[in-house]
N, C-alpha and C. Protein backbone atom coordinates (compact mmCIF):
# COMPACT_ATOMS: atom_id res chain seq x y z
N MET A 1 71.69 174.02 -59.15
CA MET A 1 72.33 175.43 -58.36
C MET A 1 73.17 175.95 -59.07
N LEU A 2 72.79 177.09 -58.41
CA LEU A 2 73.52 178.17 -59.55
C LEU A 2 74.12 178.15 -58.96
N PHE A 3 75.49 178.84 -60.18
CA PHE A 3 77.21 178.85 -59.94
C PHE A 3 77.50 180.20 -59.33
N GLY A 4 78.16 180.61 -58.73
CA GLY A 4 79.05 182.11 -58.21
C GLY A 4 80.05 181.92 -57.96
N CYS A 5 80.82 182.84 -58.00
CA CYS A 5 82.00 182.50 -57.58
C CYS A 5 81.95 183.19 -56.08
N ARG A 6 82.57 182.49 -55.54
CA ARG A 6 82.05 182.55 -53.86
C ARG A 6 83.48 183.42 -53.35
N THR A 7 84.98 183.14 -54.15
CA THR A 7 86.00 183.87 -53.63
C THR A 7 86.27 185.01 -53.73
N ASN A 8 85.70 186.01 -54.73
CA ASN A 8 86.14 186.87 -55.02
C ASN A 8 84.99 187.76 -56.07
N GLN A 9 84.61 188.87 -55.70
CA GLN A 9 83.48 189.88 -56.73
C GLN A 9 84.41 190.12 -58.16
N ASN A 10 85.79 189.91 -58.09
CA ASN A 10 86.15 190.02 -59.50
C ASN A 10 86.09 189.10 -60.51
N ASP A 11 85.41 188.18 -60.27
CA ASP A 11 85.11 187.05 -61.08
C ASP A 11 84.01 186.79 -61.62
N ALA A 12 83.18 187.94 -61.82
CA ALA A 12 81.92 188.34 -62.25
C ALA A 12 81.75 187.93 -63.34
N TYR A 13 82.72 187.48 -64.34
CA TYR A 13 82.91 187.17 -66.23
C TYR A 13 82.41 185.81 -65.90
N LEU A 14 82.56 184.61 -64.69
CA LEU A 14 82.24 183.75 -64.30
C LEU A 14 80.65 183.39 -64.27
N SER A 15 79.72 184.48 -63.99
CA SER A 15 78.52 184.62 -63.57
C SER A 15 77.52 184.09 -64.32
N GLY A 16 77.88 183.75 -65.76
CA GLY A 16 77.03 183.26 -66.67
C GLY A 16 77.09 181.53 -66.69
N MET A 17 77.87 181.38 -66.12
CA MET A 17 78.25 179.55 -65.52
C MET A 17 76.66 179.33 -64.59
N SER A 18 76.34 177.56 -64.58
CA SER A 18 75.02 177.57 -64.25
C SER A 18 75.42 176.47 -63.29
N GLN A 19 76.67 175.52 -63.39
CA GLN A 19 77.12 174.32 -62.60
C GLN A 19 77.98 174.39 -61.51
N LEU A 20 77.87 173.05 -60.47
CA LEU A 20 78.50 173.26 -59.62
C LEU A 20 78.98 171.99 -59.30
N PHE A 21 80.15 171.79 -59.34
CA PHE A 21 80.68 170.12 -59.20
C PHE A 21 81.67 169.96 -57.75
N ILE A 22 81.15 169.22 -56.91
CA ILE A 22 81.76 168.99 -55.96
C ILE A 22 82.05 167.47 -55.43
N ASP A 23 83.02 167.33 -55.17
CA ASP A 23 83.39 165.80 -54.64
C ASP A 23 83.47 164.61 -55.37
N LEU A 24 83.37 165.29 -56.97
CA LEU A 24 83.55 163.97 -57.95
C LEU A 24 84.36 163.66 -58.41
N THR A 25 84.84 162.36 -59.10
CA THR A 25 85.83 161.70 -59.49
C THR A 25 85.45 161.63 -61.03
N PHE A 26 86.69 162.38 -61.69
CA PHE A 26 86.71 162.12 -62.97
C PHE A 26 87.96 160.59 -63.44
N GLU A 27 87.33 159.82 -64.14
CA GLU A 27 88.73 158.52 -64.13
C GLU A 27 88.35 157.89 -65.91
N LYS A 28 89.40 158.12 -66.54
CA LYS A 28 89.67 157.79 -68.03
C LYS A 28 88.94 158.39 -68.30
N LYS A 29 88.39 159.44 -68.59
CA LYS A 29 87.53 160.45 -69.61
C LYS A 29 88.07 161.18 -70.66
N ASP A 30 87.61 160.75 -71.73
CA ASP A 30 88.30 161.45 -73.03
C ASP A 30 87.26 162.56 -73.29
N PHE A 31 88.21 164.22 -72.39
CA PHE A 31 87.35 165.09 -72.29
C PHE A 31 87.74 166.12 -74.19
N ARG A 32 88.13 165.45 -74.63
CA ARG A 32 88.58 165.66 -76.00
C ARG A 32 87.45 165.23 -77.17
N GLU A 33 86.83 164.11 -76.75
CA GLU A 33 85.42 163.55 -77.29
C GLU A 33 84.36 164.49 -76.59
N ARG A 34 83.94 165.10 -75.53
CA ARG A 34 82.99 165.60 -74.89
C ARG A 34 83.75 166.58 -73.99
N PRO A 35 83.95 167.60 -74.26
CA PRO A 35 84.57 169.09 -73.37
C PRO A 35 83.68 168.64 -71.90
N LEU A 36 84.46 169.39 -70.98
CA LEU A 36 84.54 169.56 -69.62
C LEU A 36 83.13 170.52 -69.74
N GLU A 37 82.04 170.46 -69.12
CA GLU A 37 80.97 171.02 -68.68
C GLU A 37 82.17 172.93 -68.29
N LYS A 38 81.28 173.37 -68.75
CA LYS A 38 81.74 174.76 -67.60
C LYS A 38 81.16 174.94 -66.67
N GLY A 39 82.42 175.41 -65.61
CA GLY A 39 81.33 176.09 -64.33
C GLY A 39 82.40 175.81 -63.52
N GLU A 40 82.03 175.31 -61.87
CA GLU A 40 83.05 175.59 -60.66
C GLU A 40 83.56 174.29 -60.38
N TYR A 41 84.97 173.70 -60.21
CA TYR A 41 84.73 172.23 -60.18
C TYR A 41 85.82 172.54 -58.16
N GLU A 42 84.91 171.62 -57.44
CA GLU A 42 85.63 171.93 -56.32
C GLU A 42 85.41 170.45 -55.40
N ASN A 43 86.72 170.03 -55.12
CA ASN A 43 87.60 169.44 -54.45
C ASN A 43 87.20 167.87 -55.42
N CYS A 44 87.36 168.07 -56.52
CA CYS A 44 87.40 167.17 -57.88
C CYS A 44 88.56 166.74 -58.03
N GLN A 45 88.46 165.50 -58.37
CA GLN A 45 90.01 164.33 -59.13
C GLN A 45 89.92 163.81 -60.40
N PHE A 46 90.94 164.07 -60.91
CA PHE A 46 90.47 163.72 -62.24
C PHE A 46 91.67 163.07 -62.71
N MET A 47 91.43 161.65 -63.18
CA MET A 47 92.76 160.80 -62.85
C MET A 47 92.69 159.82 -64.63
N HIS A 48 93.94 159.86 -65.08
CA HIS A 48 93.68 159.15 -66.27
C HIS A 48 93.48 159.77 -67.17
N CYS A 49 92.97 161.07 -67.15
CA CYS A 49 91.71 161.55 -68.10
C CYS A 49 92.82 162.62 -69.16
N ASP A 50 91.93 162.49 -70.71
CA ASP A 50 92.79 163.32 -71.56
C ASP A 50 91.94 164.25 -72.24
N PHE A 51 92.83 165.94 -71.29
CA PHE A 51 91.99 167.32 -71.89
C PHE A 51 92.95 167.56 -73.27
N SER A 52 94.22 166.74 -73.73
CA SER A 52 94.78 167.86 -75.18
C SER A 52 94.52 168.68 -75.54
N GLY A 53 94.62 169.65 -76.33
CA GLY A 53 94.22 170.33 -77.18
C GLY A 53 92.39 170.58 -76.53
N VAL A 54 91.81 170.62 -75.54
CA VAL A 54 90.74 171.00 -74.83
C VAL A 54 90.60 172.41 -74.51
N ASP A 55 89.85 173.29 -74.79
CA ASP A 55 89.07 174.34 -74.28
C ASP A 55 88.85 175.07 -72.69
N LEU A 56 89.62 175.12 -71.76
CA LEU A 56 88.99 175.10 -70.04
C LEU A 56 89.00 176.26 -69.78
N GLY A 57 89.05 177.34 -71.01
CA GLY A 57 89.30 178.62 -70.40
C GLY A 57 87.69 179.16 -69.74
N GLY A 58 87.82 179.72 -68.49
CA GLY A 58 86.83 180.42 -67.96
C GLY A 58 86.33 179.53 -67.05
N ILE A 59 86.48 178.09 -66.59
CA ILE A 59 86.38 177.09 -65.90
C ILE A 59 87.32 177.22 -64.55
N LEU A 60 86.49 177.09 -63.29
CA LEU A 60 86.91 177.77 -61.93
C LEU A 60 87.66 176.09 -61.09
N PHE A 61 89.05 175.83 -60.89
CA PHE A 61 89.06 174.58 -60.14
C PHE A 61 89.62 175.29 -58.72
N VAL A 62 89.18 174.23 -57.71
CA VAL A 62 89.60 174.68 -56.61
C VAL A 62 89.87 173.54 -55.37
N ASP A 63 91.07 173.66 -55.20
CA ASP A 63 91.10 171.91 -54.47
C ASP A 63 90.73 170.98 -54.86
N CYS A 64 91.25 170.31 -56.40
CA CYS A 64 91.09 169.95 -56.83
C CYS A 64 92.92 168.93 -57.26
N LYS A 65 92.42 168.22 -57.58
CA LYS A 65 93.44 167.03 -57.87
C LYS A 65 93.77 166.13 -59.40
N PHE A 66 94.75 166.79 -59.99
CA PHE A 66 94.92 165.94 -61.48
C PHE A 66 96.01 164.76 -61.26
N SER A 67 95.68 163.68 -61.58
CA SER A 67 96.93 162.28 -61.50
C SER A 67 96.68 162.06 -63.05
N HIS A 68 98.12 161.79 -63.56
CA HIS A 68 98.12 160.47 -64.73
C HIS A 68 97.33 161.28 -66.06
N CYS A 69 97.22 162.68 -65.89
CA CYS A 69 95.88 163.55 -67.25
C CYS A 69 97.04 163.93 -68.48
N ASN A 70 96.84 163.81 -68.93
CA ASN A 70 97.48 164.74 -70.49
C ASN A 70 96.41 166.10 -70.54
N LEU A 71 97.77 166.85 -70.44
CA LEU A 71 96.59 168.42 -70.04
C LEU A 71 97.63 169.09 -71.73
N SER A 72 98.12 168.04 -72.69
CA SER A 72 99.25 169.46 -73.43
C SER A 72 98.35 170.12 -74.28
N LEU A 73 98.61 171.59 -74.50
CA LEU A 73 98.20 172.03 -75.47
C LEU A 73 96.66 172.79 -75.18
N VAL A 74 96.20 172.58 -73.78
CA VAL A 74 95.28 173.02 -73.40
C VAL A 74 95.12 174.30 -73.25
N GLN A 75 94.30 175.08 -73.41
CA GLN A 75 93.73 176.52 -73.59
C GLN A 75 93.22 177.06 -72.22
N LEU A 76 93.91 177.70 -71.36
CA LEU A 76 93.69 178.24 -70.27
C LEU A 76 92.94 179.85 -70.27
N GLY A 77 92.46 180.34 -71.37
CA GLY A 77 91.92 181.96 -70.88
C GLY A 77 91.48 182.08 -69.77
N ARG A 78 91.81 183.23 -68.85
CA ARG A 78 91.07 182.85 -67.43
C ARG A 78 90.53 181.90 -67.14
N THR A 79 91.36 180.60 -66.98
CA THR A 79 91.35 179.61 -66.15
C THR A 79 91.58 180.06 -64.58
N CYS A 80 90.63 179.63 -63.70
CA CYS A 80 91.11 179.53 -62.52
C CYS A 80 91.34 178.19 -61.85
N PHE A 81 92.86 178.63 -61.32
CA PHE A 81 93.50 177.06 -60.53
C PHE A 81 93.70 177.80 -59.07
N ARG A 82 93.07 177.37 -57.79
CA ARG A 82 93.16 177.91 -56.63
C ARG A 82 93.48 176.56 -55.71
N ASP A 83 94.96 176.05 -55.46
CA ASP A 83 94.95 175.06 -54.45
C ASP A 83 94.73 173.83 -55.10
N VAL A 84 95.35 173.60 -56.60
CA VAL A 84 94.98 172.82 -57.26
C VAL A 84 96.67 172.16 -57.67
N SER A 85 96.38 170.58 -57.79
CA SER A 85 97.79 169.82 -57.69
C SER A 85 97.63 168.99 -59.01
N PHE A 86 98.96 169.12 -59.44
CA PHE A 86 99.06 167.99 -60.87
C PHE A 86 100.38 166.90 -60.17
N THR A 87 100.02 165.52 -60.81
CA THR A 87 100.78 164.75 -60.59
C THR A 87 100.83 163.56 -61.57
N GLU A 88 101.88 163.86 -62.22
CA GLU A 88 102.88 163.08 -63.15
C GLU A 88 101.60 162.78 -64.62
N CYS A 89 101.51 164.37 -64.73
CA CYS A 89 100.41 164.95 -65.76
C CYS A 89 101.79 165.16 -67.03
N ARG A 90 100.89 165.19 -68.43
CA ARG A 90 101.72 165.93 -69.37
C ARG A 90 101.11 166.92 -69.99
N MET A 91 101.66 168.29 -69.89
CA MET A 91 101.22 169.18 -69.75
C MET A 91 101.91 170.33 -70.66
N TRP A 92 102.23 169.64 -71.76
CA TRP A 92 103.50 170.70 -73.10
C TRP A 92 102.69 171.42 -73.19
N GLY A 93 103.31 172.77 -73.92
CA GLY A 93 103.02 173.86 -74.48
C GLY A 93 101.72 174.72 -73.70
N LEU A 94 101.55 174.50 -72.29
CA LEU A 94 100.67 175.26 -72.10
C LEU A 94 101.07 176.98 -72.02
N HIS A 95 100.06 178.07 -71.70
CA HIS A 95 100.37 179.15 -71.85
C HIS A 95 99.51 179.35 -69.63
N PHE A 96 100.31 179.26 -69.18
CA PHE A 96 99.70 179.46 -67.91
C PHE A 96 99.61 181.03 -67.48
N GLU A 97 100.26 182.04 -68.01
CA GLU A 97 100.00 183.28 -67.84
C GLU A 97 98.81 184.00 -68.76
N HIS A 98 97.78 183.24 -69.17
CA HIS A 98 96.51 183.50 -69.66
C HIS A 98 95.60 182.89 -68.78
N ALA A 99 95.88 182.15 -67.98
CA ALA A 99 94.98 181.97 -66.65
C ALA A 99 94.49 183.37 -65.60
N ASP A 100 93.78 182.98 -65.43
CA ASP A 100 93.33 184.11 -63.93
C ASP A 100 94.38 183.87 -63.32
N PRO A 101 95.02 185.51 -62.89
CA PRO A 101 96.20 185.34 -61.77
C PRO A 101 95.75 185.56 -60.14
N PHE A 102 94.09 186.00 -60.39
CA PHE A 102 93.74 185.64 -58.74
C PHE A 102 93.83 184.17 -58.02
N GLY A 103 94.76 184.58 -57.23
CA GLY A 103 94.41 183.17 -56.74
C GLY A 103 95.09 182.21 -56.70
N PHE A 104 96.10 182.35 -57.67
CA PHE A 104 96.68 181.06 -58.74
C PHE A 104 97.60 180.44 -57.67
N SER A 105 97.21 178.99 -57.60
CA SER A 105 98.24 177.98 -56.60
C SER A 105 98.03 176.94 -57.27
N VAL A 106 98.63 176.49 -57.88
CA VAL A 106 99.76 174.96 -57.95
C VAL A 106 100.79 174.34 -57.38
N ALA A 107 100.62 173.19 -57.41
CA ALA A 107 101.50 172.30 -56.63
C ALA A 107 101.75 171.44 -57.92
N LEU A 108 102.95 170.92 -57.89
CA LEU A 108 103.53 170.24 -59.33
C LEU A 108 104.90 169.36 -59.09
N ALA A 109 104.03 167.70 -59.08
CA ALA A 109 104.89 166.89 -59.49
C ALA A 109 105.37 165.80 -60.46
N GLN A 110 106.54 165.34 -60.53
CA GLN A 110 106.57 164.56 -61.50
C GLN A 110 106.01 164.87 -62.96
N CYS A 111 105.87 166.01 -63.27
CA CYS A 111 105.28 166.64 -64.42
C CYS A 111 106.20 166.95 -65.71
N SER A 112 105.51 166.98 -66.72
CA SER A 112 106.26 167.33 -67.86
C SER A 112 105.81 168.06 -68.38
N LEU A 113 106.49 169.19 -68.58
CA LEU A 113 106.01 170.44 -68.48
C LEU A 113 106.63 171.42 -69.62
N ASN A 114 107.54 170.61 -70.98
CA ASN A 114 107.82 171.33 -71.89
C ASN A 114 107.37 172.01 -72.55
N HIS A 115 108.19 172.90 -72.49
CA HIS A 115 107.53 173.62 -73.92
C HIS A 115 106.40 174.93 -72.88
N SER A 116 106.24 175.08 -72.26
CA SER A 116 104.85 175.73 -71.45
C SER A 116 106.02 177.19 -71.43
N SER A 117 104.98 177.79 -70.64
CA SER A 117 105.38 179.75 -70.54
C SER A 117 104.47 180.16 -69.28
N PHE A 118 105.62 180.76 -67.92
CA PHE A 118 105.14 181.24 -67.09
C PHE A 118 105.28 182.91 -67.03
N TYR A 119 104.91 183.40 -68.34
CA TYR A 119 105.41 184.46 -68.61
C TYR A 119 105.03 185.57 -67.54
N GLN A 120 105.89 186.30 -66.64
CA GLN A 120 105.66 187.42 -66.05
C GLN A 120 104.47 187.07 -64.71
N MET A 121 104.70 185.94 -64.97
CA MET A 121 103.74 185.32 -63.38
C MET A 121 104.43 185.98 -62.41
N LYS A 122 103.67 185.97 -60.64
CA LYS A 122 103.82 185.73 -59.92
C LYS A 122 104.24 184.36 -59.62
N LEU A 123 105.17 183.69 -59.42
CA LEU A 123 105.09 182.51 -58.53
C LEU A 123 106.06 182.20 -57.10
N LYS A 124 105.87 183.54 -56.52
CA LYS A 124 106.70 183.19 -54.99
C LYS A 124 106.93 181.74 -54.46
N LYS A 125 107.27 181.08 -54.30
CA LYS A 125 107.52 180.36 -52.80
C LYS A 125 106.78 179.16 -54.05
N MET A 126 106.57 178.76 -55.16
CA MET A 126 106.48 178.13 -56.09
C MET A 126 106.95 176.27 -56.03
N VAL A 127 106.42 175.31 -55.52
CA VAL A 127 107.57 173.93 -55.65
C VAL A 127 107.27 173.08 -57.22
N PHE A 128 108.59 173.25 -57.14
CA PHE A 128 108.67 171.96 -58.47
C PHE A 128 109.05 170.91 -58.35
N ALA A 129 108.42 170.00 -58.32
CA ALA A 129 109.08 168.74 -57.45
C ALA A 129 109.21 167.46 -58.80
N GLY A 130 110.50 167.38 -59.04
CA GLY A 130 110.75 166.38 -60.31
C GLY A 130 110.26 166.15 -61.80
N CYS A 131 110.00 167.69 -61.87
CA CYS A 131 109.23 168.01 -63.51
C CYS A 131 110.40 168.23 -64.17
N SER A 132 109.79 167.88 -65.70
CA SER A 132 110.47 168.20 -66.78
C SER A 132 110.09 169.78 -66.85
N LEU A 133 111.39 170.20 -67.31
CA LEU A 133 110.83 171.53 -67.75
C LEU A 133 111.71 172.56 -69.04
N GLN A 134 112.02 171.64 -69.18
CA GLN A 134 112.59 171.90 -70.92
C GLN A 134 112.20 172.73 -71.61
N GLU A 135 112.73 174.21 -71.95
CA GLU A 135 112.69 175.40 -72.81
C GLU A 135 111.03 175.86 -72.25
N VAL A 136 111.14 175.46 -70.92
CA VAL A 136 109.64 176.43 -70.36
C VAL A 136 110.17 178.06 -70.28
N ASP A 137 109.49 178.91 -70.49
CA ASP A 137 109.43 180.49 -70.53
C ASP A 137 109.10 181.06 -68.98
N PHE A 138 110.51 181.26 -67.94
CA PHE A 138 110.23 181.65 -67.03
C PHE A 138 110.26 183.53 -67.24
N ALA A 139 110.46 184.02 -68.23
CA ALA A 139 111.11 185.62 -68.67
C ALA A 139 110.09 186.46 -67.53
N GLU A 140 110.63 187.26 -67.10
CA GLU A 140 110.02 188.42 -66.54
C GLU A 140 109.14 187.81 -64.90
N ALA A 141 108.96 186.19 -65.04
CA ALA A 141 108.61 185.67 -63.83
C ALA A 141 109.04 186.53 -62.52
N ASP A 142 108.26 186.57 -61.39
CA ASP A 142 108.65 186.38 -60.08
C ASP A 142 108.63 184.99 -59.21
N LEU A 143 109.58 184.04 -59.13
CA LEU A 143 109.88 182.90 -58.76
C LEU A 143 110.88 183.30 -57.59
N SER A 144 110.97 184.29 -56.73
CA SER A 144 111.02 184.80 -55.25
C SER A 144 111.17 183.32 -54.53
N GLY A 145 111.77 182.48 -53.50
CA GLY A 145 111.81 181.47 -52.94
C GLY A 145 111.17 180.32 -53.60
N ALA A 146 111.30 180.12 -55.21
CA ALA A 146 110.62 179.15 -55.53
C ALA A 146 111.58 177.71 -55.33
N ALA A 147 111.01 176.58 -55.43
CA ALA A 147 112.32 175.74 -55.29
C ALA A 147 111.90 174.58 -56.73
N PHE A 148 112.91 174.47 -57.25
CA PHE A 148 113.10 173.28 -58.28
C PHE A 148 114.08 172.10 -58.02
N ASP A 149 113.08 171.16 -57.01
CA ASP A 149 113.47 169.99 -56.48
C ASP A 149 113.78 169.09 -58.03
N ASP A 150 115.14 168.01 -57.93
CA ASP A 150 114.95 167.47 -58.83
C ASP A 150 114.70 167.64 -60.56
N CYS A 151 114.50 169.39 -60.72
CA CYS A 151 114.26 169.36 -62.53
C CYS A 151 114.97 169.37 -62.86
N ASP A 152 114.75 169.05 -64.66
CA ASP A 152 115.50 169.02 -65.73
C ASP A 152 115.15 170.46 -66.37
N LEU A 153 115.96 171.28 -66.56
CA LEU A 153 115.99 173.33 -67.14
C LEU A 153 116.37 173.28 -68.03
N ALA A 154 116.74 171.85 -69.73
CA ALA A 154 117.31 172.36 -70.35
C ALA A 154 116.78 173.01 -71.42
N GLY A 155 117.51 174.16 -71.64
CA GLY A 155 116.48 175.55 -72.57
C GLY A 155 116.31 176.15 -72.10
N ALA A 156 115.35 175.56 -70.72
CA ALA A 156 114.60 177.21 -69.95
C ALA A 156 114.74 178.57 -69.86
N VAL A 157 114.18 179.20 -70.14
CA VAL A 157 114.21 180.87 -69.81
C VAL A 157 114.20 181.76 -68.97
N PHE A 158 115.42 181.78 -68.46
CA PHE A 158 115.33 182.98 -67.23
C PHE A 158 116.43 184.20 -68.03
N ASP A 159 114.97 185.51 -67.93
CA ASP A 159 115.28 186.52 -68.16
C ASP A 159 114.90 187.85 -67.73
N ARG A 160 115.56 188.28 -67.00
CA ARG A 160 114.75 189.49 -66.01
C ARG A 160 113.88 188.74 -65.26
N THR A 161 114.15 187.24 -64.62
CA THR A 161 113.62 186.89 -63.60
C THR A 161 114.20 187.06 -62.14
N ILE A 162 113.29 187.37 -61.08
CA ILE A 162 113.04 187.40 -59.79
C ILE A 162 112.89 186.20 -59.54
N LEU A 163 115.01 185.68 -58.86
CA LEU A 163 115.04 184.69 -58.30
C LEU A 163 115.46 184.74 -56.99
N GLU A 164 115.47 185.48 -56.54
CA GLU A 164 116.46 185.44 -55.50
C GLU A 164 115.82 184.66 -53.99
N LYS A 165 116.28 183.83 -53.32
CA LYS A 165 115.71 182.57 -52.63
C LYS A 165 115.50 181.44 -53.13
N ALA A 166 115.79 181.63 -54.43
CA ALA A 166 115.19 180.37 -55.21
C ALA A 166 116.29 179.23 -55.01
N ASP A 167 115.41 177.81 -55.00
CA ASP A 167 116.77 176.47 -54.72
C ASP A 167 116.80 175.79 -56.11
N PHE A 168 118.08 176.25 -56.37
CA PHE A 168 118.35 174.87 -57.69
C PHE A 168 119.17 173.96 -57.65
N ARG A 169 119.56 173.34 -56.20
CA ARG A 169 120.89 172.51 -55.58
C ARG A 169 120.50 171.41 -56.00
N SER A 170 119.11 171.12 -56.36
CA SER A 170 118.92 169.29 -57.10
C SER A 170 118.89 169.57 -58.95
N ALA A 171 118.19 170.99 -59.06
CA ALA A 171 118.51 171.08 -60.30
C ALA A 171 119.42 170.46 -61.58
N VAL A 172 118.82 170.58 -62.89
CA VAL A 172 119.83 169.96 -63.52
C VAL A 172 119.49 171.07 -64.71
N ASN A 173 120.87 171.11 -65.63
CA ASN A 173 120.65 171.68 -66.82
C ASN A 173 120.06 173.13 -67.43
N TYR A 174 120.37 173.66 -66.19
CA TYR A 174 119.99 175.33 -65.95
C TYR A 174 121.05 176.18 -66.45
N SER A 175 120.30 177.36 -67.64
CA SER A 175 121.63 178.51 -67.79
C SER A 175 120.82 179.49 -67.26
N ILE A 176 121.84 180.41 -66.62
CA ILE A 176 120.97 181.95 -65.92
C ILE A 176 122.07 182.68 -65.48
N ASP A 177 121.94 183.62 -66.20
CA ASP A 177 122.68 184.98 -66.71
C ASP A 177 122.47 185.99 -65.27
N PRO A 178 123.53 185.71 -64.04
CA PRO A 178 123.42 186.29 -63.31
C PRO A 178 123.33 187.58 -63.20
N ALA A 179 124.03 188.61 -64.40
CA ALA A 179 123.79 189.90 -65.02
C ALA A 179 122.23 190.45 -65.20
N ASN A 180 121.52 189.20 -65.79
CA ASN A 180 120.00 189.84 -66.80
C ASN A 180 119.05 188.86 -65.60
N ASN A 181 119.01 188.60 -64.30
CA ASN A 181 118.22 187.80 -63.26
C ASN A 181 118.72 188.48 -61.86
N LYS A 182 117.31 188.62 -61.21
CA LYS A 182 117.78 189.10 -59.71
C LYS A 182 118.42 187.23 -58.88
N ILE A 183 118.95 187.00 -58.64
CA ILE A 183 119.53 185.92 -58.20
C ILE A 183 119.95 185.80 -56.37
N LYS A 184 119.95 186.87 -56.12
CA LYS A 184 120.11 187.25 -54.65
C LYS A 184 120.01 185.95 -53.44
N LYS A 185 121.10 185.81 -52.75
CA LYS A 185 120.42 184.43 -51.62
C LYS A 185 119.94 183.49 -52.65
N ALA A 186 119.93 183.49 -53.98
CA ALA A 186 119.30 181.51 -54.77
C ALA A 186 120.62 180.62 -54.02
N LYS A 187 119.84 179.40 -54.06
CA LYS A 187 120.99 178.59 -53.80
C LYS A 187 121.26 177.31 -55.02
N PHE A 188 122.32 177.42 -55.01
CA PHE A 188 122.77 176.32 -56.14
C PHE A 188 123.79 174.89 -55.62
N SER A 189 124.37 173.82 -56.53
CA SER A 189 124.86 173.11 -55.90
C SER A 189 126.42 173.76 -56.98
N THR A 190 127.63 173.27 -56.09
CA THR A 190 128.59 173.45 -56.75
C THR A 190 128.69 172.52 -58.18
N ASP A 191 128.26 171.14 -58.25
CA ASP A 191 128.30 171.25 -59.84
C ASP A 191 127.38 171.98 -60.57
N GLY A 192 126.59 172.70 -59.87
CA GLY A 192 125.71 173.60 -60.94
C GLY A 192 126.17 175.36 -61.61
N ILE A 193 127.61 175.49 -60.79
CA ILE A 193 127.96 176.50 -61.00
C ILE A 193 128.04 176.82 -62.32
N ALA A 194 128.05 175.61 -63.06
CA ALA A 194 128.83 175.72 -64.98
C ALA A 194 127.24 176.40 -65.61
N GLY A 195 126.09 176.41 -65.07
CA GLY A 195 125.21 176.56 -65.23
C GLY A 195 124.79 178.53 -65.29
N LEU A 196 125.75 178.81 -64.25
CA LEU A 196 125.58 180.18 -63.90
C LEU A 196 126.65 181.12 -64.86
N LEU A 197 127.58 180.34 -65.61
CA LEU A 197 128.89 181.16 -66.20
C LEU A 197 128.85 180.72 -67.63
N TYR A 198 127.80 179.89 -68.08
CA TYR A 198 127.75 179.55 -69.59
C TYR A 198 127.86 180.25 -70.61
N LYS A 199 127.94 182.08 -70.69
CA LYS A 199 127.77 183.00 -71.54
C LYS A 199 129.55 182.71 -71.65
N TYR A 200 130.44 182.39 -70.56
CA TYR A 200 131.36 183.37 -71.17
C TYR A 200 132.27 182.16 -71.65
N ASP A 201 131.91 180.78 -72.34
CA ASP A 201 132.38 179.71 -73.00
C ASP A 201 133.69 179.67 -71.81
N ILE A 202 133.31 179.01 -71.15
CA ILE A 202 134.79 178.41 -70.35
C ILE A 202 134.78 177.13 -69.84
N GLU A 203 135.57 176.35 -69.73
CA GLU A 203 135.65 175.18 -69.11
C GLU A 203 135.88 174.76 -67.39
N ILE A 204 135.16 174.42 -66.70
CA ILE A 204 134.93 174.67 -65.30
C ILE A 204 134.98 172.73 -65.03
N SER A 205 136.38 172.35 -64.53
CA SER A 205 136.37 170.84 -64.28
C SER A 205 136.71 170.89 -62.36
């Protein structure tokens, strides 16, 4: 079957692909040895697979699920993620800003995304659930309405980030400068107030 990105004509750069994969399950595959074929993956599941360091550039994932996979240092040049979920995955050092922004939609639960980047991305109402987000770059991203449920944000970078109505009530270890970010109606717990005043070098008890 000839591959064609049916969702938007702007994905013409994918037209050279010829593979369409639907309703497949990939379990315990090591894609470092044999890279994932280029094409469109629709409603596919990837379980306990190793993608570390693999180039996923230009591949389209639609309604796919990744669980217990290693995706650290994966290359995401123009990769498409549309309604894709990641559960208990290791995703260190990923540059999501290199992925295709059109229709970008991911759900992240109990994942480790340390040292990754969402620089300048539009992530309105995105939910991070139980994730490790240490030293993640959120600079200039739009995270309005996003939720950081039970997330560790130690060293995460918020610089000219839109955080209006974002929920940090159960997040820990964040440092956010209200003067350098838009935080109108964002939600914080009383215990997290110190994360908003860190630059003043004061003690709160």
